[in-house]
Every structure is written in structure tokens, then in C-alpha cells.
N, C-alpha and C. Protein backbone atom coordinates (compact mmCIF):
# COMPACT_ATOMS: atom_id res chain seq x y z
N MET A 1 -123.30 -5.23 94.28
CA MET A 1 -122.93 -4.50 95.52
C MET A 1 -122.45 -5.38 96.65
N SER A 2 -123.07 -6.56 96.80
CA SER A 2 -122.69 -7.43 97.81
C SER A 2 -121.43 -8.12 97.71
N ASP A 3 -120.84 -8.24 96.42
CA ASP A 3 -119.52 -8.89 96.26
C ASP A 3 -118.39 -7.91 96.45
N PHE A 4 -118.69 -6.69 96.75
CA PHE A 4 -117.55 -5.69 96.90
C PHE A 4 -116.93 -5.89 98.33
N CYS A 5 -115.61 -5.96 98.28
CA CYS A 5 -114.88 -6.07 99.47
C CYS A 5 -113.84 -5.06 99.69
N PRO A 6 -114.04 -4.10 100.58
CA PRO A 6 -113.03 -2.95 100.70
C PRO A 6 -111.69 -3.48 101.29
N ALA A 7 -110.61 -2.67 101.13
CA ALA A 7 -109.35 -3.02 101.60
C ALA A 7 -108.74 -1.76 102.28
N LEU A 8 -107.79 -2.13 103.20
CA LEU A 8 -107.05 -1.07 103.88
C LEU A 8 -105.84 -0.78 102.90
N TRP A 9 -105.88 0.38 102.35
CA TRP A 9 -104.83 0.81 101.41
C TRP A 9 -103.55 1.25 102.19
N PRO A 10 -102.37 0.93 101.65
CA PRO A 10 -101.22 1.26 102.31
C PRO A 10 -101.02 2.77 102.62
N GLU A 11 -100.57 3.13 103.74
CA GLU A 11 -100.42 4.55 104.21
C GLU A 11 -99.04 5.02 103.74
N GLU A 12 -99.02 6.24 103.28
CA GLU A 12 -97.72 6.83 102.95
C GLU A 12 -97.22 7.50 104.19
N PRO A 13 -95.95 7.15 104.52
CA PRO A 13 -95.41 7.68 105.73
C PRO A 13 -95.44 9.28 105.64
N THR A 14 -95.68 9.89 106.81
CA THR A 14 -95.59 11.29 107.02
C THR A 14 -94.08 11.60 106.91
N PRO A 15 -93.73 12.67 106.23
CA PRO A 15 -92.30 13.10 106.17
C PRO A 15 -91.78 13.24 107.58
N GLU A 16 -90.62 12.80 107.86
CA GLU A 16 -90.00 12.78 109.25
C GLU A 16 -89.99 14.22 109.82
N ASP A 17 -89.73 15.20 109.11
CA ASP A 17 -89.71 16.56 109.65
C ASP A 17 -91.05 17.06 109.98
N LEU A 18 -92.14 16.43 109.55
CA LEU A 18 -93.49 16.94 109.91
C LEU A 18 -94.26 16.06 110.78
N LYS A 19 -93.75 14.91 111.17
CA LYS A 19 -94.49 13.94 112.11
C LYS A 19 -94.96 14.62 113.34
N ASN A 20 -94.15 15.50 113.89
CA ASN A 20 -94.58 16.19 115.14
C ASN A 20 -95.10 17.61 114.89
N CYS A 21 -95.59 17.88 113.77
CA CYS A 21 -96.13 19.19 113.42
C CYS A 21 -97.09 19.66 114.48
N CYS A 22 -96.98 20.84 114.93
CA CYS A 22 -97.96 21.39 115.97
C CYS A 22 -98.44 22.71 115.55
N GLU A 23 -98.26 23.10 114.30
CA GLU A 23 -98.61 24.47 113.90
C GLU A 23 -100.19 24.70 114.04
N CYS A 24 -101.02 23.69 113.71
CA CYS A 24 -102.44 23.88 113.68
C CYS A 24 -103.09 23.63 114.98
N GLY A 25 -102.41 22.99 115.98
CA GLY A 25 -102.91 22.67 117.24
C GLY A 25 -103.68 21.37 117.34
N LEU A 26 -103.94 20.67 116.24
CA LEU A 26 -104.70 19.42 116.28
C LEU A 26 -103.90 18.25 116.99
N ASP A 27 -102.55 18.52 117.00
CA ASP A 27 -101.66 17.52 117.67
C ASP A 27 -102.10 17.34 119.21
N LYS A 28 -102.57 18.46 119.74
CA LYS A 28 -103.13 18.36 121.15
C LYS A 28 -104.37 17.55 121.37
N GLN A 29 -104.96 17.22 120.24
CA GLN A 29 -106.16 16.37 120.38
C GLN A 29 -105.88 14.87 120.39
N GLY A 30 -104.61 14.54 120.18
CA GLY A 30 -104.23 13.11 120.39
C GLY A 30 -104.24 12.25 119.15
N SER A 31 -104.74 12.67 118.05
CA SER A 31 -104.86 11.95 116.76
C SER A 31 -103.52 12.01 116.09
N ARG A 32 -103.15 10.91 115.45
CA ARG A 32 -101.80 10.91 114.79
C ARG A 32 -102.00 11.52 113.40
N MET A 33 -100.84 11.83 112.75
CA MET A 33 -100.79 12.45 111.48
C MET A 33 -100.84 11.42 110.34
N ILE A 34 -101.80 11.61 109.46
CA ILE A 34 -101.93 10.65 108.27
C ILE A 34 -101.66 11.49 107.06
N TRP A 35 -100.54 11.17 106.29
CA TRP A 35 -100.14 12.01 105.16
C TRP A 35 -101.00 11.66 104.01
N GLY A 36 -101.31 10.36 103.78
CA GLY A 36 -102.02 9.97 102.65
C GLY A 36 -102.02 8.48 102.52
N GLU A 37 -102.77 7.93 101.61
CA GLU A 37 -102.86 6.52 101.37
C GLU A 37 -103.18 6.09 99.92
N GLY A 38 -102.90 4.85 99.62
CA GLY A 38 -103.10 4.43 98.24
C GLY A 38 -101.72 4.51 97.53
N ASN A 39 -101.66 4.77 96.29
CA ASN A 39 -100.36 4.88 95.47
C ASN A 39 -99.90 6.32 95.54
N PRO A 40 -98.70 6.53 96.20
CA PRO A 40 -98.24 7.96 96.34
C PRO A 40 -97.76 8.50 94.96
N HIS A 41 -97.67 7.65 93.93
CA HIS A 41 -97.31 8.15 92.65
C HIS A 41 -98.50 8.16 91.67
N ALA A 42 -99.65 7.99 92.23
CA ALA A 42 -100.91 7.81 91.37
C ALA A 42 -101.17 9.14 90.58
N PRO A 43 -101.71 8.99 89.38
CA PRO A 43 -102.11 10.18 88.60
C PRO A 43 -103.26 10.88 89.11
N ILE A 44 -104.13 10.26 89.90
CA ILE A 44 -105.36 10.94 90.41
C ILE A 44 -105.26 11.16 91.92
N MET A 45 -105.30 12.40 92.34
CA MET A 45 -105.28 12.74 93.74
C MET A 45 -106.73 12.95 94.27
N ILE A 46 -107.11 12.35 95.34
CA ILE A 46 -108.47 12.54 95.88
C ILE A 46 -108.24 13.29 97.18
N ILE A 47 -108.94 14.36 97.34
CA ILE A 47 -108.78 15.24 98.54
C ILE A 47 -110.05 15.17 99.34
N LEU A 48 -109.90 14.69 100.67
CA LEU A 48 -111.00 14.64 101.62
C LEU A 48 -110.71 15.70 102.71
N ASP A 49 -111.72 15.97 103.52
CA ASP A 49 -111.61 16.96 104.62
C ASP A 49 -110.57 16.59 105.72
N ASN A 50 -110.68 15.42 106.28
CA ASN A 50 -109.71 14.89 107.21
C ASN A 50 -109.67 13.35 107.29
N PRO A 51 -108.74 12.83 107.84
CA PRO A 51 -108.72 11.30 107.99
C PRO A 51 -109.88 10.84 108.79
N GLY A 52 -110.40 9.74 108.46
CA GLY A 52 -111.49 9.07 109.32
C GLY A 52 -110.79 8.07 110.14
N ALA A 53 -111.61 7.12 110.63
CA ALA A 53 -111.16 6.03 111.47
C ALA A 53 -110.20 5.09 110.60
N ARG A 54 -109.07 4.77 111.14
CA ARG A 54 -108.24 3.81 110.40
C ARG A 54 -108.03 2.60 111.35
N GLU A 55 -108.05 2.88 112.60
CA GLU A 55 -107.91 1.82 113.61
C GLU A 55 -109.09 1.96 114.60
N ASP A 56 -109.51 0.85 115.23
CA ASP A 56 -110.48 0.89 116.20
C ASP A 56 -109.77 1.22 117.56
N ARG A 57 -110.52 1.20 118.62
CA ARG A 57 -109.96 1.62 119.92
C ARG A 57 -108.80 0.74 120.42
N GLU A 58 -108.96 -0.61 119.99
CA GLU A 58 -108.04 -1.50 120.37
C GLU A 58 -106.72 -1.53 119.39
N GLY A 59 -106.72 -0.63 118.46
CA GLY A 59 -105.62 -0.54 117.60
C GLY A 59 -105.66 -1.47 116.31
N ASN A 60 -106.76 -2.12 116.15
CA ASN A 60 -106.97 -3.09 114.94
C ASN A 60 -107.28 -2.18 113.77
N SER A 61 -106.66 -2.57 112.65
CA SER A 61 -106.94 -1.80 111.31
C SER A 61 -108.46 -1.96 110.87
N ILE A 62 -109.05 -1.01 110.44
CA ILE A 62 -110.38 -1.06 109.99
C ILE A 62 -110.44 -0.27 108.64
N VAL A 63 -111.51 -0.53 107.87
CA VAL A 63 -111.80 0.23 106.73
C VAL A 63 -113.07 0.99 107.12
N CYS A 64 -113.08 2.34 107.24
CA CYS A 64 -114.24 3.10 107.66
C CYS A 64 -115.21 3.25 106.44
N GLY A 65 -116.39 3.84 106.75
CA GLY A 65 -117.37 3.99 105.79
C GLY A 65 -116.97 4.88 104.60
N THR A 66 -116.18 5.90 104.86
CA THR A 66 -115.75 6.84 103.77
C THR A 66 -114.89 6.05 102.80
N ARG A 67 -113.92 5.28 103.37
CA ARG A 67 -112.99 4.52 102.48
C ARG A 67 -113.78 3.51 101.66
N GLN A 68 -114.73 2.78 102.36
CA GLN A 68 -115.47 1.77 101.74
C GLN A 68 -116.26 2.27 100.53
N THR A 69 -116.96 3.32 100.73
CA THR A 69 -117.82 4.00 99.68
C THR A 69 -116.93 4.51 98.57
N LEU A 70 -115.83 5.13 98.87
CA LEU A 70 -114.91 5.61 97.89
C LEU A 70 -114.33 4.46 96.99
N GLN A 71 -113.91 3.39 97.66
CA GLN A 71 -113.29 2.32 96.94
C GLN A 71 -114.38 1.59 96.12
N GLN A 72 -115.55 1.55 96.52
CA GLN A 72 -116.62 0.86 95.75
C GLN A 72 -116.91 1.68 94.48
N ALA A 73 -117.07 2.98 94.68
CA ALA A 73 -117.35 3.91 93.45
C ALA A 73 -116.17 3.75 92.40
N ALA A 74 -114.88 3.81 92.97
CA ALA A 74 -113.71 3.79 92.11
C ALA A 74 -113.78 2.43 91.37
N GLY A 75 -114.06 1.36 92.02
CA GLY A 75 -114.09 0.09 91.35
C GLY A 75 -115.25 -0.03 90.31
N GLU A 76 -116.35 0.61 90.55
CA GLU A 76 -117.39 0.60 89.61
C GLU A 76 -117.15 1.31 88.30
N VAL A 77 -116.18 2.24 88.34
CA VAL A 77 -115.89 2.97 87.06
C VAL A 77 -114.53 2.50 86.48
N GLY A 78 -114.00 1.41 87.03
CA GLY A 78 -112.82 0.79 86.52
C GLY A 78 -111.37 1.43 87.02
N LEU A 79 -111.53 2.24 88.11
CA LEU A 79 -110.23 2.79 88.70
C LEU A 79 -109.69 1.82 89.75
N THR A 80 -108.45 1.75 89.88
CA THR A 80 -107.84 0.83 90.83
C THR A 80 -107.07 1.58 91.93
N ARG A 81 -106.60 0.86 92.93
CA ARG A 81 -105.79 1.55 93.95
C ARG A 81 -104.55 2.21 93.29
N GLU A 82 -104.03 1.52 92.22
CA GLU A 82 -102.86 2.06 91.63
C GLU A 82 -103.09 3.45 90.98
N ASP A 83 -104.37 3.67 90.63
CA ASP A 83 -104.71 4.96 89.93
C ASP A 83 -104.89 6.14 91.04
N LEU A 84 -105.05 5.81 92.26
CA LEU A 84 -105.42 6.75 93.24
C LEU A 84 -104.61 6.96 94.42
N TYR A 85 -104.55 8.27 94.81
CA TYR A 85 -103.82 8.58 96.07
C TYR A 85 -104.82 9.48 96.86
N VAL A 86 -105.06 9.06 98.05
CA VAL A 86 -106.06 9.80 98.82
C VAL A 86 -105.30 10.65 99.94
N THR A 87 -105.59 11.87 99.93
CA THR A 87 -104.97 12.76 101.01
C THR A 87 -106.11 13.67 101.67
N PHE A 88 -105.63 14.53 102.45
CA PHE A 88 -106.57 15.31 103.35
C PHE A 88 -106.25 16.77 103.41
N ILE A 89 -107.22 17.61 103.69
CA ILE A 89 -106.92 19.00 104.02
C ILE A 89 -106.29 19.05 105.37
N LEU A 90 -106.88 18.42 106.35
CA LEU A 90 -106.24 18.24 107.75
C LEU A 90 -105.65 16.87 107.81
N LYS A 91 -104.41 16.82 108.20
CA LYS A 91 -103.65 15.53 108.23
C LYS A 91 -104.03 14.77 109.58
N ARG A 92 -104.71 15.38 110.50
CA ARG A 92 -105.09 14.60 111.73
C ARG A 92 -106.59 14.71 111.84
N LYS A 93 -107.13 13.60 112.49
CA LYS A 93 -108.65 13.58 112.65
C LYS A 93 -108.91 14.44 113.91
N PRO A 94 -109.78 15.49 113.63
CA PRO A 94 -110.20 16.27 114.86
C PRO A 94 -111.09 15.43 115.64
N VAL A 95 -110.99 15.52 117.01
CA VAL A 95 -111.77 14.74 117.97
C VAL A 95 -112.70 15.71 118.75
N ARG A 96 -112.43 16.96 118.73
CA ARG A 96 -113.29 17.89 119.33
C ARG A 96 -113.20 19.31 118.67
N ALA A 97 -113.95 20.23 119.06
CA ALA A 97 -114.00 21.57 118.39
C ALA A 97 -112.64 22.11 118.19
N TYR A 98 -112.56 22.90 117.08
CA TYR A 98 -111.23 23.60 116.79
C TYR A 98 -111.63 24.77 115.91
N ASP A 99 -110.52 25.69 115.80
CA ASP A 99 -110.78 26.85 114.94
C ASP A 99 -110.67 26.56 113.48
N LYS A 100 -111.78 26.13 112.84
CA LYS A 100 -111.84 25.54 111.53
C LYS A 100 -111.09 26.32 110.51
N GLU A 101 -111.44 27.70 110.47
CA GLU A 101 -110.75 28.54 109.41
C GLU A 101 -109.18 28.62 109.54
N GLN A 102 -108.78 28.80 110.76
CA GLN A 102 -107.40 28.93 110.98
C GLN A 102 -106.60 27.66 110.76
N VAL A 103 -107.25 26.50 111.22
CA VAL A 103 -106.57 25.31 111.12
C VAL A 103 -106.51 24.77 109.69
N ARG A 104 -107.55 25.11 108.86
CA ARG A 104 -107.61 24.71 107.42
C ARG A 104 -106.54 25.49 106.71
N GLN A 105 -106.51 26.83 107.05
CA GLN A 105 -105.45 27.65 106.31
C GLN A 105 -104.03 27.11 106.60
N THR A 106 -103.78 26.84 107.82
CA THR A 106 -102.43 26.24 108.22
C THR A 106 -102.11 25.07 107.53
N CYS A 107 -103.14 24.10 107.54
CA CYS A 107 -102.91 22.71 106.99
C CYS A 107 -102.78 22.74 105.41
N MET A 108 -103.36 23.76 104.83
CA MET A 108 -103.24 23.84 103.29
C MET A 108 -101.75 23.91 102.84
N ASN A 109 -100.90 24.33 103.70
CA ASN A 109 -99.42 24.31 103.33
C ASN A 109 -98.98 22.88 103.18
N HIS A 110 -99.40 21.95 103.84
CA HIS A 110 -99.05 20.56 103.63
C HIS A 110 -99.59 20.04 102.24
N LEU A 111 -100.76 20.33 102.11
CA LEU A 111 -101.40 19.94 100.68
C LEU A 111 -100.63 20.59 99.60
N ASP A 112 -100.38 21.90 99.67
CA ASP A 112 -99.54 22.53 98.64
C ASP A 112 -98.23 21.86 98.38
N GLN A 113 -97.59 21.46 99.47
CA GLN A 113 -96.29 20.68 99.39
C GLN A 113 -96.53 19.37 98.70
N GLN A 114 -97.64 18.64 98.99
CA GLN A 114 -97.82 17.37 98.27
C GLN A 114 -98.14 17.64 96.74
N LEU A 115 -98.86 18.63 96.54
CA LEU A 115 -99.21 18.97 95.06
C LEU A 115 -97.91 19.27 94.25
N GLN A 116 -96.98 20.04 94.87
CA GLN A 116 -95.70 20.32 94.17
C GLN A 116 -94.91 19.07 93.99
N GLU A 117 -94.92 18.21 94.93
CA GLU A 117 -94.07 16.99 94.93
C GLU A 117 -94.77 15.96 93.83
N LYS A 118 -96.06 15.76 93.98
CA LYS A 118 -96.64 14.68 93.27
C LYS A 118 -97.19 15.11 91.89
N LYS A 119 -97.53 16.29 91.68
CA LYS A 119 -97.99 16.75 90.41
C LYS A 119 -99.04 15.79 89.81
N PRO A 120 -100.15 15.67 90.51
CA PRO A 120 -101.18 14.76 89.94
C PRO A 120 -101.76 15.26 88.61
N LYS A 121 -102.19 14.33 87.78
CA LYS A 121 -102.77 14.70 86.50
C LYS A 121 -104.24 15.19 86.67
N LEU A 122 -104.80 14.83 87.71
CA LEU A 122 -106.13 15.06 88.00
C LEU A 122 -106.50 15.05 89.49
N ILE A 123 -107.40 15.87 89.87
CA ILE A 123 -107.85 16.01 91.36
C ILE A 123 -109.26 15.79 91.43
N LEU A 124 -109.68 15.04 92.52
CA LEU A 124 -111.06 14.93 92.75
C LEU A 124 -111.18 15.34 94.26
N CYS A 125 -112.04 16.35 94.43
CA CYS A 125 -112.35 16.85 95.82
C CYS A 125 -113.70 16.33 96.27
N LEU A 126 -113.64 15.75 97.47
CA LEU A 126 -114.98 15.14 97.93
C LEU A 126 -115.49 15.90 99.08
N GLY A 127 -116.65 16.53 99.02
CA GLY A 127 -117.31 17.17 100.05
C GLY A 127 -117.02 18.64 100.10
N ASN A 128 -117.96 19.37 100.69
CA ASN A 128 -117.92 20.78 100.67
C ASN A 128 -116.77 21.42 101.34
N VAL A 129 -116.35 20.71 102.44
CA VAL A 129 -115.12 21.28 103.25
C VAL A 129 -113.89 21.24 102.37
N ALA A 130 -113.64 20.09 101.72
CA ALA A 130 -112.47 19.91 100.90
C ALA A 130 -112.52 20.91 99.75
N VAL A 131 -113.66 21.05 99.22
CA VAL A 131 -113.96 21.85 97.99
C VAL A 131 -113.61 23.33 98.38
N GLN A 132 -114.20 23.76 99.43
CA GLN A 132 -114.08 25.17 99.90
C GLN A 132 -112.64 25.49 100.20
N SER A 133 -111.99 24.58 100.91
CA SER A 133 -110.55 24.71 101.21
C SER A 133 -109.75 24.78 99.96
N PHE A 134 -109.83 23.83 99.11
CA PHE A 134 -108.96 23.70 97.95
C PHE A 134 -109.22 24.79 96.88
N PHE A 135 -110.53 25.17 96.75
CA PHE A 135 -110.85 26.25 95.79
C PHE A 135 -110.65 27.60 96.45
N GLN A 136 -110.34 27.62 97.70
CA GLN A 136 -110.07 28.91 98.44
C GLN A 136 -111.31 29.78 98.30
N ASN A 137 -112.49 29.20 98.47
CA ASN A 137 -113.74 29.89 98.24
C ASN A 137 -114.75 29.41 99.31
N PRO A 138 -115.08 30.21 100.37
CA PRO A 138 -116.05 29.66 101.48
C PRO A 138 -117.41 29.48 100.87
N GLU A 139 -117.76 29.96 99.70
CA GLU A 139 -119.11 29.83 99.14
C GLU A 139 -119.23 28.57 98.15
N ALA A 140 -118.15 28.01 97.82
CA ALA A 140 -118.06 26.90 96.82
C ALA A 140 -118.90 25.71 97.41
N GLU A 141 -119.75 25.08 96.52
CA GLU A 141 -120.60 23.98 97.01
C GLU A 141 -120.53 22.93 95.87
N VAL A 142 -120.49 21.69 96.36
CA VAL A 142 -120.40 20.51 95.50
C VAL A 142 -121.63 20.53 94.50
N LYS A 143 -122.83 20.78 94.95
CA LYS A 143 -123.96 20.62 94.10
C LYS A 143 -123.95 21.58 92.95
N LYS A 144 -123.26 22.75 93.08
CA LYS A 144 -123.16 23.76 92.00
C LYS A 144 -121.96 23.51 91.10
N LEU A 145 -120.94 22.77 91.57
CA LEU A 145 -119.58 22.59 90.81
C LEU A 145 -119.57 21.27 90.23
N ARG A 146 -120.36 20.25 90.63
CA ARG A 146 -120.05 18.93 90.07
C ARG A 146 -120.48 18.87 88.61
N GLY A 147 -119.99 17.86 87.93
CA GLY A 147 -120.30 17.61 86.51
C GLY A 147 -119.44 18.35 85.58
N ALA A 148 -118.46 19.16 86.11
CA ALA A 148 -117.60 19.93 85.20
C ALA A 148 -116.18 19.77 85.73
N MET A 149 -115.16 20.09 84.83
CA MET A 149 -113.76 20.18 85.26
C MET A 149 -113.45 21.65 85.55
N HIS A 150 -112.71 21.83 86.56
CA HIS A 150 -112.37 23.19 87.01
C HIS A 150 -110.78 23.31 87.10
N ASP A 151 -110.24 24.41 86.67
CA ASP A 151 -108.74 24.60 86.87
C ASP A 151 -108.60 25.24 88.25
N VAL A 152 -107.94 24.46 89.15
CA VAL A 152 -107.66 25.02 90.52
C VAL A 152 -106.14 24.79 90.66
N GLN A 153 -105.39 25.98 90.79
CA GLN A 153 -104.03 26.00 91.02
C GLN A 153 -103.32 25.24 89.81
N GLY A 154 -103.91 25.33 88.68
CA GLY A 154 -103.25 24.73 87.53
C GLY A 154 -103.50 23.17 87.43
N PHE A 155 -104.35 22.68 88.21
CA PHE A 155 -104.71 21.32 88.19
C PHE A 155 -106.16 21.07 87.72
N PRO A 156 -106.40 20.11 86.77
CA PRO A 156 -107.86 19.78 86.38
C PRO A 156 -108.52 19.16 87.59
N THR A 157 -109.50 19.73 88.08
CA THR A 157 -110.20 19.33 89.36
C THR A 157 -111.67 19.06 89.20
N ALA A 158 -112.20 17.97 89.67
CA ALA A 158 -113.57 17.61 89.57
C ALA A 158 -114.00 17.51 91.06
N VAL A 159 -115.26 17.69 91.37
CA VAL A 159 -115.81 17.65 92.77
C VAL A 159 -116.97 16.61 92.74
N ALA A 160 -117.22 16.01 93.99
CA ALA A 160 -118.31 15.15 94.20
C ALA A 160 -118.63 15.18 95.64
N TYR A 161 -119.81 14.58 95.96
CA TYR A 161 -120.27 14.58 97.30
C TYR A 161 -119.37 13.77 98.26
N HIS A 162 -119.30 14.09 99.52
CA HIS A 162 -118.47 13.31 100.45
C HIS A 162 -119.08 11.93 100.54
N PRO A 163 -118.18 10.85 100.67
CA PRO A 163 -118.73 9.56 100.74
C PRO A 163 -119.77 9.25 101.86
N LEU A 164 -119.49 10.00 103.05
CA LEU A 164 -120.34 9.75 104.21
C LEU A 164 -121.71 10.35 103.87
N ALA A 165 -121.80 11.44 103.14
CA ALA A 165 -123.07 12.04 102.71
C ALA A 165 -123.86 11.05 101.86
N VAL A 166 -123.12 10.37 100.94
CA VAL A 166 -123.66 9.30 100.09
C VAL A 166 -124.20 8.20 101.00
N ARG A 167 -123.47 7.77 101.93
CA ARG A 167 -123.87 6.64 102.83
C ARG A 167 -125.20 7.05 103.57
N ARG A 168 -125.18 8.37 103.98
CA ARG A 168 -126.47 8.76 104.75
C ARG A 168 -127.60 9.01 103.85
N ARG A 169 -127.29 9.32 102.59
CA ARG A 169 -128.45 9.63 101.69
C ARG A 169 -128.23 8.89 100.41
N PRO A 170 -128.66 7.59 100.44
CA PRO A 170 -128.38 6.70 99.24
C PRO A 170 -128.91 7.30 97.86
N ASN A 171 -129.85 8.17 97.97
CA ASN A 171 -130.29 8.78 96.61
C ASN A 171 -129.18 9.49 95.98
N LEU A 172 -128.07 9.88 96.70
CA LEU A 172 -126.89 10.50 96.06
C LEU A 172 -125.93 9.53 95.35
N TRP A 173 -126.18 8.26 95.52
CA TRP A 173 -125.22 7.25 94.95
C TRP A 173 -125.11 7.44 93.45
N SER A 174 -126.27 7.57 92.74
CA SER A 174 -126.16 7.73 91.30
C SER A 174 -125.40 8.96 90.81
N LEU A 175 -125.55 10.01 91.65
CA LEU A 175 -124.79 11.30 91.24
C LEU A 175 -123.27 11.09 91.48
N PHE A 176 -123.06 10.32 92.65
CA PHE A 176 -121.61 10.06 93.10
C PHE A 176 -120.98 9.24 91.95
N ILE A 177 -121.71 8.24 91.42
CA ILE A 177 -121.10 7.43 90.32
C ILE A 177 -120.93 8.20 89.12
N GLU A 178 -121.84 9.10 88.80
CA GLU A 178 -121.77 9.94 87.56
C GLU A 178 -120.52 10.72 87.70
N ASP A 179 -120.18 11.26 88.84
CA ASP A 179 -118.97 12.12 89.01
C ASP A 179 -117.74 11.34 88.93
N TRP A 180 -117.75 10.08 89.38
CA TRP A 180 -116.63 9.14 89.30
C TRP A 180 -116.39 8.80 87.82
N LYS A 181 -117.50 8.57 87.09
CA LYS A 181 -117.37 8.28 85.61
C LYS A 181 -116.76 9.48 84.90
N HIS A 182 -117.11 10.62 85.34
CA HIS A 182 -116.52 11.91 84.69
C HIS A 182 -115.00 11.96 84.95
N VAL A 183 -114.60 11.61 86.13
CA VAL A 183 -113.17 11.55 86.39
C VAL A 183 -112.49 10.48 85.59
N ALA A 184 -113.13 9.30 85.58
CA ALA A 184 -112.48 8.19 84.82
C ALA A 184 -112.38 8.49 83.36
N LYS A 185 -113.40 9.18 82.78
CA LYS A 185 -113.41 9.52 81.35
C LYS A 185 -112.26 10.56 81.08
N HIS A 186 -112.12 11.55 81.91
CA HIS A 186 -111.09 12.52 81.75
C HIS A 186 -109.69 11.98 81.95
N TYR A 187 -109.55 11.06 82.88
CA TYR A 187 -108.27 10.34 83.10
C TYR A 187 -107.99 9.51 81.86
N GLN A 188 -108.90 8.78 81.14
CA GLN A 188 -108.64 8.03 79.98
C GLN A 188 -108.15 8.97 78.84
N GLU A 189 -108.79 10.14 78.80
CA GLU A 189 -108.42 11.08 77.59
C GLU A 189 -106.98 11.63 77.91
N ILE A 190 -106.53 11.63 79.22
CA ILE A 190 -105.22 12.12 79.45
C ILE A 190 -104.18 11.04 79.15
N VAL A 191 -104.55 9.79 79.54
CA VAL A 191 -103.72 8.64 79.30
C VAL A 191 -103.60 8.31 77.81
N SER A 192 -104.74 8.22 77.13
CA SER A 192 -104.71 7.81 75.74
C SER A 192 -105.46 8.82 74.86
N PRO A 193 -104.84 9.98 74.58
CA PRO A 193 -105.50 10.97 73.87
C PRO A 193 -105.62 10.53 72.44
N HIS A 194 -106.87 10.79 71.79
CA HIS A 194 -107.10 10.36 70.42
C HIS A 194 -106.46 11.25 69.38
């Protein structure tokens, strides 16, 4: 655990025509749009609720707790940055209250666009918000859906707890790793079927 060193993964530029997107209203909160990070051509797409901190107040790049926990789990199961692309339901970090339902529905259009372009082999949804949005089911819960593969919009999809939940409740780490192993195993079966 102590020899793990997180890294800032390269950001995929937001498409020019969407940089100033104001459909959902989060642009008025002052956070910039983050389209995704990691390998844009990766076979595994990870979906989180929204971007976390990427820069501190002085504008220095940082690796936030979400990314650190995610990278550590990926590394433990043998997945690399090349295997993974991280994106978000909301492309901007909310900094104050907003109409969650309406904003998520609006922002799902961007995710749908990414799915059509990237066609990932496998998806991993992290946290209830991402799961509910992607599964289009407000009742969906990680604890009930984890440990299995689900077909969502034609994509094999696994779910796991949000990295911040794992950081707050260390007893979830073993389950988090279990779910990452599940994803790595399915990925291996896709890459080298027997």
C-alpha cells in the first residue's frame, strides 16, 4: 500500500463545439468542463458521477482521493492507464446546489455521444449516482448489483462502490477490490477468449 504512487492521467480535450455547453446550467457555477481522462481509446470505460478536484486553488495539478483510490485498485488487479478511460455523468464539478434530476438527464447526452464514439468493451460504474443515471433507474444500488455483469445499452457493465465511499469506510476496500478483479477477469476473457 505504501509504495503506491498515484499519477495525474492525461485529460482528453472537450470537443470544441461543447466547451461552452450551457444546457445543464452548471457552467454558471464556474467549474470547467472535463470530458474524460486516461486513454481515450481504452477498452474499459469507468463512469463516475462528476469530476473531482484536478487543480488546487492556485491552479496546481493534484490527484484527488477519488483518482488515487481508483488507480490503486486498478493497479492491484493488473490494469494500467492504457486499459482505462475515466469519464463522468456530469462533465463539470458542481460547487453548489443544482437540479440533480434535470442536470443528469441533460448531461447523459454527452455520455451517450462518448459511448457511440468509443464503443468500450466493458463499463465500470462507480457509486450509486453513476449507476442510477447510467442504468436509468432511480432505485438501482451498488450493493444489490455488484458482483455480476449487466447489459446496459448493449454494453457489459459492472458496478462498484464510489472510491470516496471506500476511503471513508475502509471495510469496503475488500469488496472494491473484488469488483475490480471481476472486471479484470471479464476483460481478460474478452481479450483472450479460450
